[in-house]
Each structure stands twice: as structure tokens, then as C-alpha cells.
Amino acid sequence: MHSNESAEDYLETILILSRRLPVVRSIDIAIEKNYSKPSISVAMKNLRTKGYIEVSPSGFITLTDTGLEIASGVFERHTVISNWLISLGVSEDTAVSDACRMEHHISEESFEAMKKYIEKHQD
């Protein structure tokens, strides 16, 4: 399960960076996650092998359709859960940290029910 979580975290990071930067490179991921360049290199090789990313000859990293689907799902879960926790009075730091762990373990059924509940009870 840990490697799945790790892959999901990397894909989510690539998605977030791609929204902020014109191109995403391994060094950008290393800086964002505060990881060593060799660790990022190994992770990118694994993501490329699984077909989640493509790396151009210039070293620019893009998500494949499958990688984008996974990253978008993780990002949505993270955003919904952290915003919901904040709305319940949880501090932002704690909410973001908890959401980061919860996003990998919540079932699709529970997440959809949570979203439905939140939408129904929004002011």
C-alpha cells in the first residue's frame, strides 16, 4: 500500500506543479517535496514504467491520461477532505496533514457520501 500512496503523492505533486509552472522537471518535484534528487529519479522511473508519466528528452514531466486521472482523484479527495475539516473548526495545518493521510484510504463510497453530505449542507 505504501508504494501506491507514494505514487499517488508524486502524481498529485506533478498535477499541482503543472498548474503553477510552465513545465515540470524532477528538480521542481524535489524542491516541492523536499526530497533528494536521486529519490525523485527513482520515483519518476517507476511512474514512467507504470505508464503514469512521460518524460521528454528535455526532462519535462507530463502526466499521461491514466496518471492525470489518478492525480485528479487524489487532489479532489485532498481538497474536499481538508476543506471539510477546516469548516468543522480543525486548524488548516492539521486539516491538510490529516487529509493527506485520509485521501489514500477512504473508499469511493464513503468519499461520494461525504461530498453529497457537504453539498447538501453548504450555506
N, C-alpha and C. Protein backbone atom coordinates (compact mmCIF):
# COMPACT_ATOMS: atom_id res chain seq x y z
N MET A 1 0.83 -1.19 0.00
CA MET A 1 0.00 0.00 0.00
C MET A 1 0.87 1.25 0.00
N HIS A 2 2.01 1.21 0.69
CA HIS A 2 2.85 2.39 0.80
C HIS A 2 3.31 2.88 -0.57
N SER A 3 3.70 1.97 -1.46
CA SER A 3 4.18 2.40 -2.77
C SER A 3 3.05 3.04 -3.58
N ASN A 4 1.82 2.55 -3.40
CA ASN A 4 0.67 3.15 -4.06
C ASN A 4 0.45 4.57 -3.55
N GLU A 5 0.53 4.75 -2.23
CA GLU A 5 0.39 6.08 -1.65
C GLU A 5 1.48 7.00 -2.17
N SER A 6 2.68 6.49 -2.22
CA SER A 6 3.81 7.28 -2.68
C SER A 6 3.60 7.70 -4.14
N ALA A 7 3.18 6.76 -4.97
CA ALA A 7 2.91 7.08 -6.39
C ALA A 7 1.82 8.13 -6.49
N GLU A 8 0.75 7.97 -5.70
CA GLU A 8 -0.35 8.93 -5.72
C GLU A 8 0.14 10.32 -5.30
N ASP A 9 0.99 10.36 -4.28
CA ASP A 9 1.52 11.65 -3.82
C ASP A 9 2.36 12.32 -4.90
N TYR A 10 3.20 11.54 -5.56
CA TYR A 10 4.01 12.11 -6.64
C TYR A 10 3.13 12.62 -7.78
N LEU A 11 2.14 11.82 -8.16
CA LEU A 11 1.25 12.24 -9.25
C LEU A 11 0.50 13.51 -8.87
N GLU A 12 0.02 13.59 -7.64
CA GLU A 12 -0.67 14.79 -7.18
C GLU A 12 0.28 16.00 -7.21
N THR A 13 1.51 15.80 -6.78
CA THR A 13 2.50 16.88 -6.80
C THR A 13 2.76 17.35 -8.23
N ILE A 14 2.88 16.42 -9.16
CA ILE A 14 3.09 16.80 -10.56
C ILE A 14 1.91 17.61 -11.07
N LEU A 15 0.70 17.19 -10.73
CA LEU A 15 -0.50 17.93 -11.15
C LEU A 15 -0.48 19.35 -10.58
N ILE A 16 -0.21 19.48 -9.30
CA ILE A 16 -0.18 20.80 -8.66
C ILE A 16 0.89 21.68 -9.29
N LEU A 17 2.08 21.12 -9.49
CA LEU A 17 3.16 21.90 -10.10
C LEU A 17 2.82 22.30 -11.54
N SER A 18 2.16 21.41 -12.26
CA SER A 18 1.82 21.72 -13.66
C SER A 18 0.83 22.87 -13.76
N ARG A 19 0.09 23.12 -12.69
CA ARG A 19 -0.83 24.25 -12.66
C ARG A 19 -0.12 25.55 -12.30
N ARG A 20 1.05 25.44 -11.69
CA ARG A 20 1.82 26.61 -11.24
C ARG A 20 2.96 26.98 -12.17
N LEU A 21 3.53 25.98 -12.81
CA LEU A 21 4.75 26.20 -13.59
C LEU A 21 4.50 25.92 -15.08
N PRO A 22 5.28 26.57 -15.93
CA PRO A 22 5.11 26.29 -17.37
C PRO A 22 5.50 24.86 -17.74
N VAL A 23 6.51 24.31 -17.06
CA VAL A 23 6.93 22.91 -17.25
C VAL A 23 7.31 22.34 -15.88
N VAL A 24 7.21 21.02 -15.75
CA VAL A 24 7.58 20.35 -14.50
C VAL A 24 8.81 19.49 -14.78
N ARG A 25 9.82 19.68 -13.93
CA ARG A 25 11.05 18.89 -14.03
C ARG A 25 11.27 18.16 -12.70
N SER A 26 12.13 17.19 -12.71
CA SER A 26 12.43 16.44 -11.48
C SER A 26 12.88 17.35 -10.36
N ILE A 27 13.69 18.35 -10.67
CA ILE A 27 14.19 19.27 -9.64
C ILE A 27 13.03 20.03 -8.99
N ASP A 28 11.99 20.35 -9.76
CA ASP A 28 10.83 21.04 -9.19
C ASP A 28 10.12 20.16 -8.17
N ILE A 29 10.02 18.88 -8.49
CA ILE A 29 9.38 17.92 -7.57
C ILE A 29 10.24 17.76 -6.32
N ALA A 30 11.56 17.67 -6.50
CA ALA A 30 12.48 17.53 -5.36
C ALA A 30 12.35 18.72 -4.43
N ILE A 31 12.27 19.91 -4.98
CA ILE A 31 12.15 21.12 -4.16
C ILE A 31 10.79 21.15 -3.47
N GLU A 32 9.73 20.84 -4.20
CA GLU A 32 8.37 20.88 -3.64
C GLU A 32 8.21 19.90 -2.48
N LYS A 33 8.75 18.71 -2.64
CA LYS A 33 8.56 17.67 -1.62
C LYS A 33 9.71 17.62 -0.61
N ASN A 34 10.77 18.41 -0.88
CA ASN A 34 11.96 18.42 -0.03
C ASN A 34 12.60 17.03 0.04
N TYR A 35 12.69 16.39 -1.14
CA TYR A 35 13.31 15.08 -1.27
C TYR A 35 14.61 15.23 -2.07
N SER A 36 15.47 14.23 -1.96
CA SER A 36 16.72 14.26 -2.72
C SER A 36 16.45 13.99 -4.20
N LYS A 37 17.35 14.51 -5.04
CA LYS A 37 17.20 14.29 -6.49
C LYS A 37 17.27 12.79 -6.85
N PRO A 38 18.15 11.99 -6.21
CA PRO A 38 18.15 10.56 -6.52
C PRO A 38 16.82 9.87 -6.18
N SER A 39 16.19 10.26 -5.07
CA SER A 39 14.89 9.68 -4.71
C SER A 39 13.84 10.01 -5.77
N ILE A 40 13.86 11.24 -6.24
CA ILE A 40 12.90 11.66 -7.27
C ILE A 40 13.16 10.90 -8.56
N SER A 41 14.43 10.71 -8.89
CA SER A 41 14.79 9.98 -10.11
C SER A 41 14.24 8.56 -10.10
N VAL A 42 14.37 7.87 -8.98
CA VAL A 42 13.85 6.51 -8.84
C VAL A 42 12.32 6.52 -8.95
N ALA A 43 11.70 7.47 -8.27
CA ALA A 43 10.23 7.56 -8.30
C ALA A 43 9.72 7.84 -9.73
N MET A 44 10.39 8.73 -10.44
CA MET A 44 9.96 9.07 -11.80
C MET A 44 10.13 7.87 -12.73
N LYS A 45 11.19 7.10 -12.53
CA LYS A 45 11.39 5.90 -13.33
C LYS A 45 10.23 4.93 -13.10
N ASN A 46 9.83 4.76 -11.83
CA ASN A 46 8.72 3.86 -11.51
C ASN A 46 7.41 4.36 -12.11
N LEU A 47 7.16 5.65 -12.02
CA LEU A 47 5.93 6.22 -12.60
C LEU A 47 5.91 6.07 -14.11
N ARG A 48 7.07 6.26 -14.72
CA ARG A 48 7.18 6.12 -16.18
C ARG A 48 6.94 4.66 -16.58
N THR A 49 7.51 3.73 -15.84
CA THR A 49 7.34 2.30 -16.11
C THR A 49 5.87 1.89 -16.00
N LYS A 50 5.16 2.47 -15.04
CA LYS A 50 3.74 2.15 -14.85
C LYS A 50 2.84 2.87 -15.86
N GLY A 51 3.43 3.76 -16.65
CA GLY A 51 2.65 4.46 -17.66
C GLY A 51 1.87 5.66 -17.14
N TYR A 52 2.31 6.20 -16.00
CA TYR A 52 1.61 7.34 -15.40
C TYR A 52 2.16 8.68 -15.85
N ILE A 53 3.42 8.71 -16.28
CA ILE A 53 4.04 9.95 -16.74
C ILE A 53 4.83 9.69 -18.01
N GLU A 54 5.10 10.78 -18.70
CA GLU A 54 6.04 10.77 -19.82
C GLU A 54 7.10 11.82 -19.52
N VAL A 55 8.32 11.54 -19.92
CA VAL A 55 9.42 12.47 -19.72
C VAL A 55 10.01 12.79 -21.09
N SER A 56 10.00 14.07 -21.43
CA SER A 56 10.53 14.49 -22.73
C SER A 56 12.04 14.41 -22.73
N PRO A 57 12.67 14.46 -23.91
CA PRO A 57 14.13 14.47 -23.96
C PRO A 57 14.74 15.65 -23.17
N SER A 58 13.98 16.73 -23.02
CA SER A 58 14.45 17.89 -22.25
C SER A 58 14.24 17.71 -20.75
N GLY A 59 13.62 16.59 -20.34
CA GLY A 59 13.40 16.32 -18.92
C GLY A 59 12.10 16.89 -18.38
N PHE A 60 11.19 17.30 -19.28
CA PHE A 60 9.90 17.82 -18.84
C PHE A 60 8.95 16.66 -18.57
N ILE A 61 8.29 16.70 -17.43
CA ILE A 61 7.44 15.61 -16.99
C ILE A 61 5.98 15.99 -17.21
N THR A 62 5.25 15.11 -17.88
CA THR A 62 3.82 15.31 -18.07
C THR A 62 3.08 14.04 -17.65
N LEU A 63 1.86 14.24 -17.18
CA LEU A 63 1.02 13.11 -16.79
C LEU A 63 0.38 12.49 -18.02
N THR A 64 0.33 11.18 -18.07
CA THR A 64 -0.44 10.51 -19.12
C THR A 64 -1.92 10.63 -18.73
N ASP A 65 -2.80 10.17 -19.58
CA ASP A 65 -4.23 10.21 -19.24
C ASP A 65 -4.49 9.43 -17.95
N THR A 66 -3.87 8.27 -17.82
CA THR A 66 -4.05 7.47 -16.61
C THR A 66 -3.48 8.19 -15.39
N GLY A 67 -2.29 8.76 -15.54
CA GLY A 67 -1.67 9.50 -14.44
C GLY A 67 -2.51 10.70 -14.03
N LEU A 68 -3.06 11.39 -15.02
CA LEU A 68 -3.91 12.55 -14.74
C LEU A 68 -5.18 12.15 -14.01
N GLU A 69 -5.75 11.03 -14.40
CA GLU A 69 -6.96 10.53 -13.74
C GLU A 69 -6.70 10.23 -12.26
N ILE A 70 -5.60 9.56 -11.99
CA ILE A 70 -5.23 9.24 -10.61
C ILE A 70 -4.94 10.52 -9.84
N ALA A 71 -4.12 11.39 -10.41
CA ALA A 71 -3.74 12.64 -9.73
C ALA A 71 -4.95 13.50 -9.44
N SER A 72 -5.86 13.60 -10.38
CA SER A 72 -7.06 14.42 -10.20
C SER A 72 -7.94 13.87 -9.09
N GLY A 73 -8.06 12.55 -9.03
CA GLY A 73 -8.85 11.93 -7.96
C GLY A 73 -8.26 12.18 -6.59
N VAL A 74 -6.94 12.03 -6.48
CA VAL A 74 -6.26 12.25 -5.20
C VAL A 74 -6.39 13.73 -4.81
N PHE A 75 -6.19 14.62 -5.78
CA PHE A 75 -6.28 16.05 -5.50
C PHE A 75 -7.69 16.43 -5.05
N GLU A 76 -8.70 15.87 -5.69
CA GLU A 76 -10.08 16.16 -5.30
C GLU A 76 -10.34 15.67 -3.87
N ARG A 77 -9.94 14.44 -3.58
CA ARG A 77 -10.14 13.91 -2.23
C ARG A 77 -9.43 14.79 -1.20
N HIS A 78 -8.20 15.17 -1.50
CA HIS A 78 -7.42 16.01 -0.58
C HIS A 78 -8.12 17.34 -0.35
N THR A 79 -8.55 17.97 -1.41
CA THR A 79 -9.18 19.29 -1.31
C THR A 79 -10.50 19.23 -0.55
N VAL A 80 -11.35 18.27 -0.91
CA VAL A 80 -12.66 18.15 -0.25
C VAL A 80 -12.49 17.84 1.23
N ILE A 81 -11.64 16.88 1.54
CA ILE A 81 -11.47 16.48 2.94
C ILE A 81 -10.85 17.60 3.76
N SER A 82 -9.80 18.24 3.26
CA SER A 82 -9.16 19.31 4.04
C SER A 82 -10.12 20.49 4.23
N ASN A 83 -10.84 20.89 3.19
CA ASN A 83 -11.80 22.00 3.33
C ASN A 83 -12.91 21.65 4.31
N TRP A 84 -13.37 20.41 4.28
CA TRP A 84 -14.43 19.98 5.19
C TRP A 84 -13.92 20.03 6.64
N LEU A 85 -12.71 19.51 6.87
CA LEU A 85 -12.15 19.53 8.23
C LEU A 85 -11.98 20.97 8.72
N ILE A 86 -11.52 21.85 7.86
CA ILE A 86 -11.37 23.26 8.23
C ILE A 86 -12.73 23.85 8.59
N SER A 87 -13.76 23.50 7.82
CA SER A 87 -15.10 24.02 8.11
C SER A 87 -15.65 23.51 9.45
N LEU A 88 -15.11 22.39 9.92
CA LEU A 88 -15.51 21.84 11.21
C LEU A 88 -14.74 22.46 12.37
N GLY A 89 -13.78 23.33 12.03
CA GLY A 89 -13.01 24.00 13.07
C GLY A 89 -11.61 23.45 13.28
N VAL A 90 -11.20 22.52 12.46
CA VAL A 90 -9.84 21.97 12.56
C VAL A 90 -8.88 23.00 11.97
N SER A 91 -7.72 23.18 12.60
CA SER A 91 -6.74 24.14 12.08
C SER A 91 -6.32 23.71 10.67
N GLU A 92 -5.92 24.69 9.87
CA GLU A 92 -5.56 24.40 8.48
C GLU A 92 -4.41 23.40 8.39
N ASP A 93 -3.37 23.59 9.21
CA ASP A 93 -2.22 22.67 9.17
C ASP A 93 -2.64 21.24 9.48
N THR A 94 -3.44 21.06 10.52
CA THR A 94 -3.90 19.73 10.90
C THR A 94 -4.82 19.16 9.83
N ALA A 95 -5.72 19.98 9.31
CA ALA A 95 -6.66 19.52 8.29
C ALA A 95 -5.93 19.03 7.04
N VAL A 96 -4.95 19.80 6.60
CA VAL A 96 -4.18 19.43 5.41
C VAL A 96 -3.38 18.15 5.66
N SER A 97 -2.77 18.06 6.84
CA SER A 97 -1.99 16.87 7.19
C SER A 97 -2.89 15.63 7.28
N ASP A 98 -4.03 15.77 7.95
CA ASP A 98 -4.96 14.64 8.07
C ASP A 98 -5.52 14.25 6.71
N ALA A 99 -5.87 15.23 5.90
CA ALA A 99 -6.42 14.96 4.57
C ALA A 99 -5.42 14.18 3.73
N CYS A 100 -4.14 14.50 3.90
CA CYS A 100 -3.08 13.82 3.15
C CYS A 100 -3.07 12.32 3.45
N ARG A 101 -3.34 11.96 4.68
CA ARG A 101 -3.38 10.55 5.05
C ARG A 101 -4.71 9.92 4.65
N MET A 102 -5.80 10.64 4.87
CA MET A 102 -7.14 10.10 4.61
C MET A 102 -7.40 9.89 3.12
N GLU A 103 -6.83 10.74 2.28
CA GLU A 103 -7.11 10.69 0.84
C GLU A 103 -6.75 9.35 0.22
N HIS A 104 -5.82 8.65 0.82
CA HIS A 104 -5.36 7.37 0.28
C HIS A 104 -6.19 6.18 0.77
N HIS A 105 -6.93 6.36 1.84
CA HIS A 105 -7.59 5.22 2.48
C HIS A 105 -9.10 5.25 2.43
N ILE A 106 -9.68 6.40 2.13
CA ILE A 106 -11.13 6.49 2.11
C ILE A 106 -11.68 5.75 0.89
N SER A 107 -12.74 5.00 1.09
CA SER A 107 -13.35 4.28 -0.04
C SER A 107 -14.09 5.27 -0.93
N GLU A 108 -14.29 4.88 -2.16
CA GLU A 108 -15.03 5.73 -3.10
C GLU A 108 -16.45 5.96 -2.58
N GLU A 109 -17.05 4.92 -2.02
CA GLU A 109 -18.41 5.03 -1.49
C GLU A 109 -18.48 6.08 -0.37
N SER A 110 -17.56 6.00 0.57
CA SER A 110 -17.55 6.95 1.68
C SER A 110 -17.25 8.37 1.20
N PHE A 111 -16.31 8.48 0.25
CA PHE A 111 -15.97 9.81 -0.26
C PHE A 111 -17.16 10.44 -0.98
N GLU A 112 -17.85 9.67 -1.80
CA GLU A 112 -19.01 10.20 -2.52
C GLU A 112 -20.12 10.60 -1.54
N ALA A 113 -20.31 9.81 -0.49
CA ALA A 113 -21.31 10.15 0.53
C ALA A 113 -20.91 11.43 1.26
N MET A 114 -19.63 11.58 1.54
CA MET A 114 -19.13 12.79 2.19
C MET A 114 -19.38 14.02 1.32
N LYS A 115 -19.04 13.89 0.04
CA LYS A 115 -19.27 15.01 -0.89
C LYS A 115 -20.75 15.38 -0.97
N LYS A 116 -21.59 14.38 -1.04
CA LYS A 116 -23.03 14.60 -1.12
C LYS A 116 -23.53 15.32 0.14
N TYR A 117 -23.06 14.87 1.29
CA TYR A 117 -23.45 15.49 2.56
C TYR A 117 -22.99 16.95 2.60
N ILE A 118 -21.77 17.20 2.22
CA ILE A 118 -21.21 18.56 2.24
C ILE A 118 -22.02 19.47 1.31
N GLU A 119 -22.29 18.99 0.09
CA GLU A 119 -23.07 19.79 -0.87
C GLU A 119 -24.46 20.10 -0.33
N LYS A 120 -25.08 19.14 0.32
CA LYS A 120 -26.42 19.31 0.84
C LYS A 120 -26.46 20.31 2.00
N HIS A 121 -25.39 20.37 2.77
CA HIS A 121 -25.37 21.19 3.98
C HIS A 121 -24.57 22.47 3.85
N GLN A 122 -24.18 22.84 2.63
CA GLN A 122 -23.47 24.10 2.45
C GLN A 122 -24.42 25.26 2.66
N ASP A 123 -23.88 26.34 3.18
CA ASP A 123 -24.71 27.54 3.41
C ASP A 123 -25.06 28.23 2.12
